[in-house]
Structure formats: structure tokens, C-alpha cells
């Protein structure tokens, strides 16, 4: 890996918990003095109703490093949804970022130089779940964030793997359509 991390992109899907708890972050990571920094500042400064961009924090007044910006993939209209997104999920993403530093995926010495933009999926069904398990939701989003960062920093999947496996990979929802389930 070169000293300069201009831009890395990845995604991750972690499911397997109760309905509504799956996480599918898409991330961009790179130097704050490059294109990622420009996108980071632009997104943070250009708020859009229903798609607020917020910093990932450990708790109020404790921002994670590298600086991480959350952008919701779902239009936020409900107070309960907002509280889950800007509470449980926000904390999970922050912890996933620190896990990536601890695991060596993000060089510790780059913590002040990098920015991460996380496009966040939180299933809107969480607002109707009276028994939502916040611990499971937290753990899944934390794992998915760390996993996406790992994939970005390792350039996974590789182009060779994709070419070798192209014909055996079938998109889940395409297969469901073929099976008449959607």
C-alpha cells in the first residue's frame, strides 16, 4: 500500500439477525486533502431534508477518528427512526471505524488525515418493531462497517476474483425474481 490513500471504495452486507437488523454500508475512504475531503466537506455543508449528514460519534462530544460522515440511504421522516439511526447505528459505525484501526486496516498514523463517507442502510421496519434488539442492531452495523473498510483497504474483491467467479455469482434479488418470489 502506498503512503497516500487517495480513494478506496467498498461495500459490505451483514445479515442474519432479526428482521430489520441487516446492515449494508457503502464506503469511500481517502485523504482529507483530496477528492474524499472535498466530497466530505460538500456533503456536511449541504444538508438535505430527510437525508441529514452527520459525523459518526462514540457519544455526544466524542467524534471518531478518522473523521466519518454518515449519509442515510433512506429518507428519514420519523422521530423513532431518527433516534435509532443517530443513536444505535451512529455509535455502531463509529465503533466499526475504530475496530478497523485496531485491526490494522487503517494505519493509526493516518487517523487525522483520512475521511470516511458511509452510505448507511437502516431498514425502515425498525420503527414498527416494539422489541427491536439494539445490541444485535449495533453489533451488525459495527461488523459491517469494519468489514467494508477492510475490503476497501485491501481492494477486495480483486478483479481477478471477480473475473474468475463472474458466472457463478447471481444477485439475490434477481434470483428471487427468477424464482417468482418478488
Protein backbone atom coordinates (compact mmCIF):
# COMPACT_ATOMS: atom_id res chain seq x y z
CA UNK A 1 0.00 0.00 0.00
CA UNK A 2 1.35 3.42 -0.91
CA UNK A 3 1.66 6.08 1.75
CA UNK A 4 -1.12 8.12 0.17
CA UNK A 5 -4.67 6.77 0.20
CA UNK A 6 -6.41 8.82 -2.47
CA UNK A 7 -9.73 6.97 -2.64
CA UNK A 8 -10.87 3.47 -1.81
CA UNK A 9 -14.44 2.21 -2.23
CA UNK A 10 -16.21 -0.87 -0.85
CA UNK A 11 -19.44 -2.24 0.49
CA UNK A 12 -20.47 -4.95 2.89
CA UNK A 13 -23.63 -6.81 3.78
CA UNK A 14 -24.12 -8.34 7.19
CA UNK A 15 -27.43 -10.03 7.88
CA UNK A 16 -28.57 -12.98 9.95
CA UNK A 17 -30.13 -11.12 12.85
CA UNK A 18 -33.82 -10.48 13.50
CA UNK A 19 -35.82 -8.79 10.71
CA UNK A 20 -34.77 -5.19 10.11
CA UNK A 21 -31.28 -5.50 11.57
CA UNK A 22 -29.23 -6.14 8.42
CA UNK A 23 -26.55 -3.60 7.55
CA UNK A 24 -25.27 -2.73 4.09
CA UNK A 25 -22.81 0.17 4.31
CA UNK A 26 -21.13 1.52 1.21
CA UNK A 27 -17.99 3.48 1.97
CA UNK A 28 -15.46 5.80 0.44
CA UNK A 29 -12.22 6.39 2.29
CA UNK A 30 -9.35 8.68 1.40
CA UNK A 31 -7.16 11.61 2.30
CA UNK A 32 -8.99 14.71 3.53
CA UNK A 33 -6.82 16.91 1.31
CA UNK A 34 -8.00 15.08 -1.82
CA UNK A 35 -11.30 14.23 -3.54
CA UNK A 36 -12.70 12.44 -0.48
CA UNK A 37 -12.09 15.54 1.63
CA UNK A 38 -13.85 17.69 -0.94
CA UNK A 39 -16.83 15.33 -1.01
CA UNK A 40 -16.82 15.15 2.82
CA UNK A 41 -16.92 18.94 3.24
CA UNK A 42 -19.50 19.35 0.49
CA UNK A 43 -21.83 16.74 1.95
CA UNK A 44 -21.50 18.05 5.51
CA UNK A 45 -22.14 21.61 4.40
CA UNK A 46 -25.02 20.85 2.04
CA UNK A 47 -27.67 19.31 4.26
CA UNK A 48 -30.80 17.90 2.61
CA UNK A 49 -34.08 17.45 4.46
CA UNK A 50 -34.67 13.76 5.11
CA UNK A 51 -31.07 12.87 4.29
CA UNK A 52 -29.08 14.59 7.02
CA UNK A 53 -25.36 14.03 7.02
CA UNK A 54 -23.87 13.62 10.47
CA UNK A 55 -20.50 12.76 11.88
CA UNK A 56 -20.13 9.31 13.39
CA UNK A 57 -19.66 9.76 17.10
CA UNK A 58 -18.91 7.48 20.02
CA UNK A 59 -21.17 9.58 22.21
CA UNK A 60 -22.12 13.21 22.25
CA UNK A 61 -18.97 15.33 22.00
CA UNK A 62 -16.72 12.35 21.08
CA UNK A 63 -16.13 12.15 17.32
CA UNK A 64 -14.45 9.05 15.93
CA UNK A 65 -11.14 9.21 14.03
CA UNK A 66 -10.70 9.02 11.12
CA UNK A 67 -13.49 11.55 10.69
CA UNK A 68 -16.52 9.65 9.43
CA UNK A 69 -19.63 11.07 7.80
CA UNK A 70 -22.89 9.11 7.75
CA UNK A 71 -25.35 9.60 4.88
CA UNK A 72 -28.70 7.80 5.06
CA UNK A 73 -29.83 5.79 2.02
CA UNK A 74 -33.41 6.05 3.30
CA UNK A 75 -35.41 9.27 3.59
CA UNK A 76 -35.68 9.98 7.30
CA UNK A 77 -39.19 11.09 8.28
CA UNK A 78 -39.87 9.52 11.66
CA UNK A 79 -38.52 10.54 15.09
CA UNK A 80 -38.08 6.94 16.24
CA UNK A 81 -36.15 6.09 13.07
CA UNK A 82 -34.00 9.20 13.53
CA UNK A 83 -33.22 8.25 17.12
CA UNK A 84 -32.19 4.71 16.13
CA UNK A 85 -30.12 5.94 13.17
CA UNK A 86 -28.49 8.77 15.12
CA UNK A 87 -28.01 6.63 18.22
CA UNK A 88 -27.53 2.89 17.94
CA UNK A 89 -26.35 2.89 14.32
CA UNK A 90 -24.23 6.04 14.65
CA UNK A 91 -22.40 4.55 17.63
CA UNK A 92 -22.01 1.22 15.85
CA UNK A 93 -20.43 2.87 12.80
CA UNK A 94 -18.03 4.82 15.00
CA UNK A 95 -17.00 1.64 16.78
CA UNK A 96 -16.60 -0.18 13.45
CA UNK A 97 -14.20 2.55 12.31
CA UNK A 98 -12.12 2.13 15.47
CA UNK A 99 -12.18 -1.65 15.00
CA UNK A 100 -10.69 -1.11 11.53
CA UNK A 101 -7.89 0.99 13.06
CA UNK A 102 -7.31 -1.57 15.82
CA UNK A 103 -7.22 -4.40 13.24
CA UNK A 104 -4.62 -2.53 11.18
CA UNK A 105 -6.85 -1.95 8.15
CA UNK A 106 -6.50 1.79 8.66
CA UNK A 107 -2.99 2.89 9.63
CA UNK A 108 -3.17 4.53 13.06
CA UNK A 109 -0.78 7.27 11.93
CA UNK A 110 -3.32 8.24 9.21
CA UNK A 111 -6.23 8.71 11.66
CA UNK A 112 -6.13 12.51 11.37
CA UNK A 113 -5.52 12.56 7.61
CA UNK A 114 -8.31 10.31 6.32
CA UNK A 115 -12.02 10.81 5.91
CA UNK A 116 -14.67 8.14 5.52
CA UNK A 117 -18.10 8.60 3.99
CA UNK A 118 -20.56 5.85 4.90
CA UNK A 119 -23.80 5.47 3.00
CA UNK A 120 -26.00 3.84 5.64
CA UNK A 121 -28.84 1.37 5.20
CA UNK A 122 -31.21 1.11 8.15
CA UNK A 123 -34.37 -0.81 7.38
CA UNK A 124 -37.42 1.44 7.88
CA UNK A 125 -39.19 -1.52 9.53
CA UNK A 126 -37.31 -0.74 12.75
CA UNK A 127 -39.90 1.91 13.59
CA UNK A 128 -42.61 -0.76 13.82
CA UNK A 129 -40.55 -3.22 15.87
CA UNK A 130 -41.58 -2.85 19.51
CA UNK A 131 -38.95 -5.44 20.53
CA UNK A 132 -36.03 -4.18 18.46
CA UNK A 133 -32.82 -5.62 19.90
CA UNK A 134 -30.49 -2.63 19.90
CA UNK A 135 -27.49 -4.77 20.89
CA UNK A 136 -27.91 -7.01 17.84
CA UNK A 137 -28.52 -3.97 15.59
CA UNK A 138 -25.38 -2.30 17.00
CA UNK A 139 -23.22 -5.41 16.58
CA UNK A 140 -24.33 -5.98 12.98
CA UNK A 141 -23.72 -2.37 11.89
CA UNK A 142 -20.37 -2.33 13.70
CA UNK A 143 -19.26 -5.53 11.98
CA UNK A 144 -20.49 -4.38 8.55
CA UNK A 145 -18.64 -1.06 8.86
CA UNK A 146 -15.36 -2.70 9.85
CA UNK A 147 -15.81 -5.29 7.10
CA UNK A 148 -16.46 -2.64 4.42
CA UNK A 149 -13.36 -0.71 5.50
CA UNK A 150 -11.30 -3.91 5.41
CA UNK A 151 -12.50 -4.64 1.88
CA UNK A 152 -11.77 -1.07 0.75
CA UNK A 153 -8.28 -1.02 2.17
CA UNK A 154 -7.44 -4.45 0.73
CA UNK A 155 -9.03 -3.65 -2.66
CA UNK A 156 -11.42 -6.58 -2.28
CA UNK A 157 -12.80 -8.25 -4.18
CA UNK A 158 -9.90 -8.31 -6.62
CA UNK A 159 -10.56 -8.00 -10.32
CA UNK A 160 -9.10 -11.49 -10.82
CA UNK A 161 -11.54 -12.98 -8.30
CA UNK A 162 -14.45 -11.18 -9.95
CA UNK A 163 -13.46 -12.41 -13.41
CA UNK A 164 -12.97 -15.97 -12.15
CA UNK A 165 -16.33 -16.03 -10.35
CA UNK A 166 -18.49 -13.84 -12.59
CA UNK A 167 -20.66 -16.65 -13.95
CA UNK A 168 -21.30 -18.21 -10.53
CA UNK A 169 -22.45 -15.01 -8.84
CA UNK A 170 -26.19 -14.37 -9.07
CA UNK A 171 -27.67 -11.26 -7.47
CA UNK A 172 -30.02 -12.28 -4.64
CA UNK A 173 -32.99 -10.24 -5.85
CA UNK A 174 -32.52 -11.28 -9.46
CA UNK A 175 -32.66 -14.91 -8.30
CA UNK A 176 -35.77 -14.16 -6.22
CA UNK A 177 -37.37 -12.68 -9.35
CA UNK A 178 -36.45 -15.78 -11.34
CA UNK A 179 -37.99 -17.91 -8.58
CA UNK A 180 -41.20 -15.82 -8.64
CA UNK A 181 -40.71 -14.55 -5.09
CA UNK A 182 -40.77 -10.85 -5.98
